[in-house]
């Protein structure tokens, strides 16, 4: 979906086309728009792209930007951009010498892609982090958005992949919380009966949500995209086990047919699934605070809070080959581009992670967990404010009135347990390529409908990712 202020439409191109544009930009050098403009040439006006492009969030961002304009005298042109379009838009803008000054809500893979293409002002990003205080940021979030000592961007907030489960059904069946592979599979087998499915998990071969869902379980078992030397590792024992688990869950204990981000949520909300693999962004909807996605279980008609009250949340799983519980999540950041008006861009990002920070994560607290805990003078200022931030759209209630403190503690701590394929190994460009070409969702779809085995899925995924890796060299 597009929602753009003062921005012309740019059609989507496949990742291979984006890579070709990137090569052209890098070959052209500064003439293609990669030379630093610098603060000494500031015209008092910056362009900011935001991937938070839904109308309510754009309106909230505009209000924060208005406050910044009033305080600083710097004019902000705010442009909403769809995440899937960002790589092509960035490369087209770079080729034309028209990069924005700042890009907000940038996922890790795209931060690393921009870094690999030499389009980030890492010096300014590092300076902002130092000025705000590295100790005020989550250490893991900083590491994921850094290339060794180089700060690629300024981390802003995060969301986590979570496993929701029906506590009432688990309790009646005498089952423990599904925190391990064994407990998860046992629960799916036990509770898959009658009109109730064991679990609702994504299988859509054309959706990045399927990769995010699988990667969450894969990370828990120590399955890696690449090893320490950069070799593709998807055809390893831990990965084959992960494909096997996901295959059995979806093929034998999930709803029939292709499962998407919408159908999985709808199945759980209707009371027809004992578990749901989704993101933390489901929490406001689960509590009945969004009119177009209300829980519809039989008990929910007379008790709208039934499903939320009877849902447990697991934030980190552990597989038999995993060294420790782990989980998938996303850190989004503020990226300053190489051609930014440095002083104005720095002031804007400092505002968005300082005076405007609470309003920013307040737009969707369940999906914008702060990765900056506070300030040097008030170390837990932002996490404290986040807990009581209202969540919901049509109805809004303070987060800590809807969910217990223990869950909020887990969400905050989950940022530190977050792992991501390829990032720690410096393979951010490859991660971005897999998100564009989706080789893993492709084999997941085939496993889920019984066309291939888990071993074949691991092998085919490894071969396709290896081809992507070779194409990036």
Protein backbone atom coordinates (compact mmCIF):
# COMPACT_ATOMS: atom_id res chain seq x y z
CA UNK A 1 0.00 0.00 0.00
CA UNK A 2 1.24 3.47 -0.85
CA UNK A 3 0.67 6.57 1.21
CA UNK A 4 2.92 9.35 -0.03
CA UNK A 5 3.12 13.05 0.68
CA UNK A 6 4.60 15.09 -2.15
CA UNK A 7 6.31 12.10 -3.73
CA UNK A 8 5.87 10.71 -7.22
CA UNK A 9 5.05 7.02 -7.65
CA UNK A 10 7.93 4.68 -8.41
CA UNK A 11 7.01 1.20 -9.65
CA UNK A 12 8.36 -1.85 -7.82
CA UNK A 13 11.22 -3.76 -9.40
CA UNK A 14 12.50 -7.20 -8.42
CA UNK A 15 15.62 -7.28 -6.26
CA UNK A 16 17.82 -8.24 -9.21
CA UNK A 17 16.86 -4.97 -10.89
CA UNK A 18 17.60 -3.08 -7.69
CA UNK A 19 21.03 -4.72 -7.55
CA UNK A 20 21.72 -3.56 -11.09
CA UNK A 21 20.81 0.00 -10.16
CA UNK A 22 23.03 -0.28 -7.09
CA UNK A 23 25.97 -1.35 -9.23
CA UNK A 24 25.41 1.61 -11.52
CA UNK A 25 25.25 4.00 -8.58
CA UNK A 26 28.45 2.68 -7.05
CA UNK A 27 30.25 2.78 -10.37
CA UNK A 28 29.17 6.36 -10.91
CA UNK A 29 30.51 7.48 -7.54
CA UNK A 30 29.88 10.97 -6.16
CA UNK A 31 28.35 12.23 -9.38
CA UNK A 32 25.46 9.83 -8.82
CA UNK A 33 24.54 11.49 -5.56
CA UNK A 34 26.87 9.85 -3.04
CA UNK A 35 28.98 12.88 -2.19
CA UNK A 36 28.36 14.42 1.22
CA UNK A 37 26.48 17.71 1.18
CA UNK A 38 27.40 18.59 4.74
CA UNK A 39 26.02 21.02 7.26
CA UNK A 40 27.79 24.01 5.72
CA UNK A 41 25.41 23.85 2.74
CA UNK A 42 22.21 23.51 4.78
CA UNK A 43 19.17 25.29 3.40
CA UNK A 44 17.13 24.80 6.57
CA UNK A 45 15.02 22.05 4.98
CA UNK A 46 15.28 18.25 5.10
CA UNK A 47 13.41 15.40 3.44
CA UNK A 48 12.48 12.47 5.66
CA UNK A 49 11.14 9.17 4.35
CA UNK A 50 9.18 7.06 6.83
CA UNK A 51 8.29 3.41 6.44
CA UNK A 52 5.56 3.94 9.03
CA UNK A 53 3.32 4.89 6.12
CA UNK A 54 -0.17 4.06 7.42
CA UNK A 55 -2.29 7.23 7.59
CA UNK A 56 -2.67 7.37 11.43
CA UNK A 57 1.07 6.90 11.92
CA UNK A 58 1.91 9.45 9.26
CA UNK A 59 -0.37 11.92 11.01
CA UNK A 60 1.36 11.25 14.32
CA UNK A 61 4.79 11.61 12.70
CA UNK A 62 3.66 14.89 11.13
CA UNK A 63 2.70 16.24 14.57
CA UNK A 64 6.11 15.30 15.98
CA UNK A 65 7.81 16.87 12.96
CA UNK A 66 5.75 20.03 13.46
CA UNK A 67 7.07 20.30 17.02
CA UNK A 68 10.61 19.89 15.71
CA UNK A 69 10.06 22.55 13.05
CA UNK A 70 8.77 24.99 15.65
CA UNK A 71 11.72 24.40 17.98
CA UNK A 72 14.48 24.25 15.36
CA UNK A 73 13.29 26.38 12.46
CA UNK A 74 14.15 23.49 10.13
CA UNK A 75 11.43 22.55 7.63
CA UNK A 76 10.67 18.83 7.33
CA UNK A 77 9.20 17.30 4.19
CA UNK A 78 7.74 13.99 5.35
CA UNK A 79 7.20 11.20 2.82
CA UNK A 80 5.50 7.87 3.52
CA UNK A 81 7.11 4.90 1.77
CA UNK A 82 6.05 1.25 1.57
CA UNK A 83 8.75 -1.06 2.97
CA UNK A 84 8.74 -3.34 -0.08
CA UNK A 85 9.47 -0.36 -2.30
CA UNK A 86 12.35 1.08 -0.27
CA UNK A 87 15.33 -0.69 -1.92
CA UNK A 88 14.34 0.39 -5.41
CA UNK A 89 13.40 3.89 -4.29
CA UNK A 90 16.73 4.35 -2.52
CA UNK A 91 18.77 3.23 -5.49
CA UNK A 92 16.73 5.29 -7.96
CA UNK A 93 17.05 8.36 -5.75
CA UNK A 94 20.78 7.79 -5.33
CA UNK A 95 21.26 7.49 -9.08
CA UNK A 96 19.38 10.76 -9.55
CA UNK A 97 21.26 12.52 -6.74
CA UNK A 98 18.03 12.96 -4.79
CA UNK A 99 18.41 10.80 -1.67
CA UNK A 100 16.39 11.93 1.34
CA UNK A 101 18.31 13.25 4.31
CA UNK A 102 16.85 10.74 6.78
CA UNK A 103 14.90 7.49 6.50
CA UNK A 104 12.88 6.31 9.49
CA UNK A 105 11.69 2.85 10.61
CA UNK A 106 14.30 1.12 8.43
CA UNK A 107 14.56 -2.66 9.05
CA UNK A 108 17.97 -4.18 9.71
CA UNK A 109 18.34 -5.90 6.33
CA UNK A 110 17.77 -2.65 4.50
CA UNK A 111 20.11 -0.73 6.80
CA UNK A 112 22.81 -3.26 5.91
CA UNK A 113 21.98 -3.10 2.21
CA UNK A 114 22.37 0.67 2.24
CA UNK A 115 25.64 0.33 4.14
CA UNK A 116 26.92 -2.19 1.61
CA UNK A 117 26.09 0.24 -1.18
CA UNK A 118 27.90 3.10 0.55
CA UNK A 119 24.78 5.20 1.03
CA UNK A 120 24.86 5.81 4.79
CA UNK A 121 26.47 8.59 6.80
CA UNK A 122 27.76 6.33 9.55
CA UNK A 123 29.84 9.08 11.14
CA UNK A 124 26.74 11.14 11.91
CA UNK A 125 24.84 8.09 13.16
CA UNK A 126 27.73 7.21 15.46
CA UNK A 127 27.93 10.77 16.70
CA UNK A 128 24.23 10.79 17.59
CA UNK A 129 24.57 7.56 19.58
CA UNK A 130 27.59 8.95 21.44
CA UNK A 131 25.79 12.21 22.22
CA UNK A 132 22.70 10.41 23.51
CA UNK A 133 24.79 7.83 25.37
CA UNK A 134 25.41 4.27 24.13
CA UNK A 135 24.56 3.04 27.61
CA UNK A 136 20.99 4.32 27.16
CA UNK A 137 20.40 1.91 24.25
CA UNK A 138 19.83 -1.83 24.36
CA UNK A 139 23.23 -3.41 23.75
CA UNK A 140 21.90 -6.02 21.35
CA UNK A 141 19.96 -3.47 19.30
CA UNK A 142 23.13 -1.40 18.92
CA UNK A 143 25.13 -4.46 17.89
CA UNK A 144 22.60 -5.48 15.24
CA UNK A 145 22.73 -1.99 13.74
CA UNK A 146 26.53 -1.79 13.80
CA UNK A 147 29.31 -3.18 11.65
CA UNK A 148 31.89 -3.80 14.35
CA UNK A 149 32.68 -0.36 15.82
CA UNK A 150 30.81 1.44 13.01
CA UNK A 151 27.28 2.58 13.86
CA UNK A 152 25.27 2.14 10.69
CA UNK A 153 22.12 3.85 11.94
CA UNK A 154 20.45 4.96 15.17
CA UNK A 155 18.21 2.19 16.60
CA UNK A 156 14.72 3.36 17.47
CA UNK A 157 12.35 0.55 18.41
CA UNK A 158 11.61 -3.13 17.93
CA UNK A 159 8.92 -5.74 17.55
CA UNK A 160 9.19 -9.40 18.45
CA UNK A 161 7.87 -12.62 16.96
CA UNK A 162 5.85 -14.36 19.67
CA UNK A 163 3.99 -17.61 20.20
CA UNK A 164 0.50 -17.07 21.59
CA UNK A 165 -1.24 -20.07 23.17
CA UNK A 166 -4.54 -20.85 24.87
CA UNK A 167 -3.73 -21.14 28.54
CA UNK A 168 -7.15 -22.60 29.32
CA UNK A 169 -6.78 -25.41 26.78
CA UNK A 170 -3.23 -26.15 27.92
CA UNK A 171 -4.32 -26.21 31.54
CA UNK A 172 -7.18 -28.62 30.91
CA UNK A 173 -4.87 -30.93 28.94
CA UNK A 174 -2.15 -30.78 31.59
CA UNK A 175 0.37 -29.34 29.14
CA UNK A 176 3.31 -27.08 30.02
CA UNK A 177 3.84 -23.76 28.25
CA UNK A 178 5.24 -24.34 24.72
CA UNK A 179 8.72 -22.99 25.37
CA UNK A 180 10.64 -25.85 23.69
CA UNK A 181 10.39 -27.81 20.45
CA UNK A 182 9.17 -30.88 22.32
CA UNK A 183 6.53 -28.99 24.29
CA UNK A 184 5.37 -27.15 21.17
CA UNK A 185 5.01 -30.30 19.09
CA UNK A 186 3.37 -32.26 21.91
CA UNK A 187 0.82 -29.49 22.40
CA UNK A 188 0.06 -29.28 18.68
CA UNK A 189 -0.50 -33.04 18.49
CA UNK A 190 -2.59 -33.14 21.67
CA UNK A 191 -4.83 -30.14 20.99
CA UNK A 192 -5.39 -30.81 17.29
CA UNK A 193 -8.82 -32.36 17.65
CA UNK A 194 -12.39 -31.66 16.64
CA UNK A 195 -12.74 -28.13 15.24
CA UNK A 196 -9.54 -26.96 16.93
CA UNK A 197 -6.26 -26.87 15.01
CA UNK A 198 -3.00 -27.37 16.86
CA UNK A 199 -1.41 -24.17 15.56
CA UNK A 200 -1.86 -21.38 13.02
CA UNK A 201 1.43 -20.50 11.30
CA UNK A 202 2.21 -18.89 7.95
CA UNK A 203 2.87 -20.94 4.81
CA UNK A 204 2.36 -18.35 2.06
CA UNK A 205 5.35 -18.83 -0.32
CA UNK A 206 5.18 -15.22 -1.49
CA UNK A 207 5.14 -13.45 1.87
CA UNK A 208 8.08 -12.36 4.00
CA UNK A 209 5.89 -13.09 7.05
CA UNK A 210 6.40 -16.80 6.33
CA UNK A 211 10.18 -16.35 6.50
CA UNK A 212 9.90 -14.36 9.72
CA UNK A 213 7.74 -17.09 11.28
CA UNK A 214 10.07 -19.90 10.23
CA UNK A 215 13.21 -17.99 11.19
CA UNK A 216 11.81 -17.58 14.71
CA UNK A 217 11.66 -21.37 15.17
CA UNK A 218 14.90 -21.93 13.27
CA UNK A 219 16.89 -19.54 15.45
CA UNK A 220 15.62 -21.38 18.53
CA UNK A 221 17.34 -24.53 17.26
CA UNK A 222 20.62 -22.90 16.30
CA UNK A 223 19.81 -23.00 12.58
CA UNK A 224 21.87 -20.35 10.78
CA UNK A 225 21.65 -18.77 7.35
CA UNK A 226 25.45 -18.71 7.06
CA UNK A 227 28.31 -19.97 9.20
CA UNK A 228 31.17 -17.91 10.64
CA UNK A 229 33.01 -18.06 7.30
CA UNK A 230 30.04 -16.87 5.26
CA UNK A 231 29.11 -20.27 3.79
CA UNK A 232 25.39 -20.99 3.47
CA UNK A 233 24.37 -23.28 6.34
CA UNK A 234 20.69 -24.03 5.71
CA UNK A 235 21.35 -27.69 4.87
CA UNK A 236 22.70 -28.39 8.35
CA UNK A 237 21.32 -30.75 10.98
CA UNK A 238 19.75 -27.98 13.10
CA UNK A 239 18.10 -26.48 10.02
CA UNK A 240 16.76 -29.82 8.80
CA UNK A 241 15.24 -30.33 12.25
CA UNK A 242 13.68 -26.86 12.09
CA UNK A 243 12.20 -27.50 8.63
CA UNK A 244 10.88 -30.82 9.91
CA UNK A 245 9.17 -29.23 12.91
CA UNK A 246 7.65 -26.42 10.87
CA UNK A 247 6.54 -28.89 8.22
CA UNK A 248 4.76 -31.16 10.69
CA UNK A 249 3.15 -28.25 12.52
CA UNK A 250 1.73 -26.68 9.38
CA UNK A 251 0.98 -29.79 7.30
CA UNK A 252 -0.46 -32.02 10.03
CA UNK A 253 -1.65 -29.71 12.81
CA UNK A 254 -2.55 -26.47 11.06
CA UNK A 255 -5.52 -25.28 8.97
CA UNK A 256 -5.72 -26.58 5.39
CA UNK A 257 -4.66 -24.38 2.51
CA UNK A 258 -2.15 -21.55 2.27
CA UNK A 259 -1.91 -19.62 5.52
CA UNK A 260 -1.21 -15.89 5.52
CA UNK A 261 -0.69 -13.09 8.00
CA UNK A 262 -4.47 -12.53 8.01
CA UNK A 263 -5.75 -16.12 8.01
CA UNK A 264 -3.51 -17.23 10.86
CA UNK A 265 -4.74 -14.40 13.08
CA UNK A 266 -8.36 -15.01 12.08
CA UNK A 267 -8.10 -18.72 12.90
CA UNK A 268 -6.78 -18.04 16.40
CA UNK A 269 -9.20 -15.19 17.02
CA UNK A 270 -12.14 -17.42 16.07
CA UNK A 271 -11.10 -19.93 18.73
CA UNK A 272 -10.22 -22.58 16.12
CA UNK A 273 -6.51 -22.82 16.96
CA UNK A 274 -4.68 -23.61 20.17
CA UNK A 275 -1.58 -21.61 19.20
CA UNK A 276 -0.62 -18.72 16.95
CA UNK A 277 2.80 -17.72 15.62
CA UNK A 278 2.64 -13.95 15.01
CA UNK A 279 4.33 -10.71 16.01
CA UNK A 280 3.87 -8.63 19.14
CA UNK A 281 1.73 -6.32 17.00
CA UNK A 282 -1.17 -8.72 17.57
CA UNK A 283 -1.49 -7.70 21.21
CA UNK A 284 -3.81 -4.72 20.78
CA UNK A 285 -6.09 -6.69 18.45
CA UNK A 286 -6.08 -9.66 20.80
CA UNK A 287 -7.37 -7.34 23.54
CA UNK A 288 -10.28 -6.23 21.34
CA UNK A 289 -8.96 -2.71 20.79
CA UNK A 290 -9.18 -2.70 17.00
CA UNK A 291 -12.66 -2.78 15.49
CA UNK A 292 -11.72 -4.43 12.19
CA UNK A 293 -9.87 -7.34 13.85
CA UNK A 294 -11.87 -8.33 16.90
CA UNK A 295 -11.62 -11.74 18.60
CA UNK A 296 -14.60 -13.84 17.48
CA UNK A 297 -14.32 -17.00 19.60
CA UNK A 298 -17.62 -18.43 20.93
CA UNK A 299 -16.86 -17.13 24.43
CA UNK A 300 -15.85 -13.70 23.11
CA UNK A 301 -19.39 -12.63 22.22
CA UNK A 302 -20.37 -12.30 25.87
CA UNK A 303 -16.88 -11.60 27.18
CA UNK A 304 -14.71 -9.49 24.80
CA UNK A 305 -11.69 -9.91 27.07
CA UNK A 306 -11.89 -13.71 27.17
CA UNK A 307 -9.24 -14.46 24.57
CA UNK A 308 -6.67 -11.98 25.87
CA UNK A 309 -7.20 -13.21 29.43
CA UNK A 310 -6.76 -16.83 28.38
CA UNK A 311 -3.77 -16.31 26.11
CA UNK A 312 -0.21 -16.92 27.22
CA UNK A 313 2.74 -15.44 25.36
CA UNK A 314 6.09 -17.14 24.75
CA UNK A 315 8.77 -14.73 23.61
CA UNK A 316 11.73 -17.10 23.23
CA UNK A 317 11.82 -20.79 22.28
CA UNK A 318 14.55 -23.40 22.52
CA UNK A 319 15.15 -26.36 20.22
CA UNK A 320 17.14 -29.54 20.93
CA UNK A 321 20.20 -28.14 19.11
CA UNK A 322 19.87 -24.61 20.48
CA UNK A 323 22.36 -23.35 23.03
CA UNK A 324 19.86 -20.99 24.65
CA UNK A 325 16.32 -19.70 24.06
CA UNK A 326 16.22 -17.33 21.11
CA UNK A 327 13.72 -15.51 19.00
CA UNK A 328 13.22 -13.52 15.85
CA UNK A 329 12.54 -9.81 16.00
CA UNK A 330 13.09 -6.62 14.10
CA UNK A 331 14.92 -3.48 15.13
CA UNK A 332 14.00 -0.42 13.10
CA UNK A 333 16.34 2.53 12.91
CA UNK A 334 16.82 6.11 11.79
CA UNK A 335 19.24 6.12 8.87
CA UNK A 336 21.12 9.26 7.86
CA UNK A 337 22.12 9.17 4.20
CA UNK A 338 25.53 10.12 2.80
CA UNK A 339 24.11 13.20 1.10
CA UNK A 340 22.23 14.47 4.14
CA UNK A 341 22.45 18.00 5.45
CA UNK A 342 24.37 16.74 8.42
CA UNK A 343 23.51 19.26 11.11
CA UNK A 344 19.78 19.35 10.37
CA UNK A 345 19.57 15.56 10.00
CA UNK A 346 21.42 15.07 13.28
CA UNK A 347 19.07 17.45 15.10
CA UNK A 348 16.00 15.71 13.67
CA UNK A 349 17.12 12.19 14.66
CA UNK A 350 18.08 13.42 18.12
CA UNK A 351 14.58 14.87 18.45
CA UNK A 352 12.93 11.61 17.34
CA UNK A 353 14.95 9.59 19.86
CA UNK A 354 14.69 12.26 22.57
CA UNK A 355 11.90 14.85 23.02
CA UNK A 356 9.71 13.17 20.39
CA UNK A 357 10.52 9.58 21.32
CA UNK A 358 7.53 8.87 23.57
CA UNK A 359 5.11 10.19 20.95
CA UNK A 360 6.86 8.10 18.29
CA UNK A 361 6.68 4.73 20.05
CA UNK A 362 3.24 5.72 21.33
CA UNK A 363 1.85 5.34 17.81
CA UNK A 364 1.87 1.53 18.26
CA UNK A 365 3.51 0.54 21.53
CA UNK A 366 2.87 -3.19 21.03
CA UNK A 367 4.98 -3.07 17.85
CA UNK A 368 7.39 -0.32 18.85
CA UNK A 369 9.21 -1.57 21.91
CA UNK A 370 11.72 1.14 22.86
CA UNK A 371 15.35 0.14 22.44
CA UNK A 372 16.45 3.30 24.21
CA UNK A 373 15.57 2.84 27.87
CA UNK A 374 15.99 6.43 28.99
CA UNK A 375 18.42 9.29 29.25
CA UNK A 376 21.66 9.64 31.18
CA UNK A 377 19.78 11.60 33.84
CA UNK A 378 16.71 9.34 33.90
CA UNK A 379 17.84 5.86 32.81
CA UNK A 380 14.40 4.20 32.63
CA UNK A 381 12.35 7.18 31.46
CA UNK A 382 11.26 5.68 28.14
CA UNK A 383 10.62 2.11 29.27
CA UNK A 384 8.58 3.50 32.16
CA UNK A 385 6.53 5.65 29.79
CA UNK A 386 6.11 2.77 27.32
CA UNK A 387 4.47 0.56 29.92
CA UNK A 388 1.62 3.01 30.43
CA UNK A 389 1.30 4.09 26.79
CA UNK A 390 -2.22 3.53 25.41
CA UNK A 391 -2.51 0.78 22.81
CA UNK A 392 -5.28 0.15 20.30
CA UNK A 393 -6.89 2.06 17.46
CA UNK A 394 -10.66 2.38 17.85
CA UNK A 395 -10.39 1.85 21.61
CA UNK A 396 -7.27 2.80 23.53
CA UNK A 397 -6.18 1.58 26.94
CA UNK A 398 -2.84 1.80 28.79
CA UNK A 399 -0.62 -1.16 27.95
CA UNK A 400 -0.10 -2.06 31.61
CA UNK A 401 -3.85 -2.10 32.24
CA UNK A 402 -4.40 -4.62 29.45
CA UNK A 403 -1.45 -6.96 30.05
CA UNK A 404 0.48 -7.96 33.19
CA UNK A 405 3.83 -6.47 34.08
CA UNK A 406 5.46 -9.87 33.62
CA UNK A 407 4.61 -9.87 29.90
CA UNK A 408 5.85 -6.31 29.45
CA UNK A 409 9.07 -7.31 31.20
CA UNK A 410 9.46 -10.22 28.75
CA UNK A 411 8.90 -7.99 25.74
CA UNK A 412 11.52 -5.51 26.91
CA UNK A 413 13.98 -8.29 27.75
CA UNK A 414 13.20 -9.98 24.43
CA UNK A 415 15.08 -7.30 22.53
CA UNK A 416 18.25 -8.54 24.19
CA UNK A 417 17.48 -12.18 23.22
CA UNK A 418 16.71 -11.26 19.61
CA UNK A 419 18.78 -12.99 16.96
CA UNK A 420 18.82 -12.55 13.20
CA UNK A 421 20.12 -14.65 10.38
CA UNK A 422 23.33 -13.35 8.83
CA UNK A 423 23.56 -10.00 10.63
CA UNK A 424 26.21 -10.97 13.18
CA UNK A 425 28.20 -12.61 10.37
CA UNK A 426 28.20 -9.37 8.36
CA UNK A 427 25.90 -10.78 5.67
CA UNK A 428 23.27 -8.05 5.77
CA UNK A 429 23.18 -7.72 1.99
CA UNK A 430 22.44 -11.44 1.66
CA UNK A 431 19.71 -11.16 4.28
CA UNK A 432 18.15 -8.36 2.25
CA UNK A 433 18.35 -10.50 -0.87
CA UNK A 434 16.56 -13.41 0.81
CA UNK A 435 13.82 -11.03 1.96
CA UNK A 436 13.41 -9.89 -1.64
CA UNK A 437 13.54 -13.24 -3.44
CA UNK A 438 11.94 -15.34 -0.63
CA UNK A 439 13.59 -18.73 -1.24
CA UNK A 440 12.75 -19.95 2.27
CA UNK A 441 8.99 -19.20 2.10
CA UNK A 442 8.97 -20.97 -1.25
CA UNK A 443 10.16 -24.26 0.22
CA UNK A 444 8.02 -23.79 3.35
CA UNK A 445 4.96 -23.68 1.12
CA UNK A 446 6.07 -26.87 -0.60
CA UNK A 447 6.70 -28.67 2.72
CA UNK A 448 3.35 -27.55 4.13
CA UNK A 449 1.38 -29.02 1.22
CA UNK A 450 3.43 -32.24 1.14
CA UNK A 451 5.25 -31.73 -2.16
CA UNK A 452 8.73 -32.07 -0.65
CA UNK A 453 10.29 -33.43 2.55
CA UNK A 454 12.04 -31.37 5.22
CA UNK A 455 15.43 -32.63 4.00
CA UNK A 456 14.60 -31.56 0.45
CA UNK A 457 13.43 -28.17 1.73
CA UNK A 458 16.71 -27.59 3.54
CA UNK A 459 18.74 -28.58 0.50
CA UNK A 460 16.70 -26.50 -1.97
CA UNK A 461 16.72 -23.46 0.30
CA UNK A 462 20.48 -23.74 0.70
CA UNK A 463 20.98 -23.98 -3.06
CA UNK A 464 18.82 -20.94 -3.77
CA UNK A 465 20.46 -18.83 -1.07
CA UNK A 466 23.90 -19.88 -2.34
CA UNK A 467 22.89 -18.65 -5.81
CA UNK A 468 21.87 -15.33 -4.28
CA UNK A 469 25.14 -15.10 -2.37
CA UNK A 470 27.12 -15.72 -5.57
CA UNK A 471 25.13 -13.05 -7.42
CA UNK A 472 26.07 -10.48 -4.79
CA UNK A 473 29.83 -11.07 -5.09
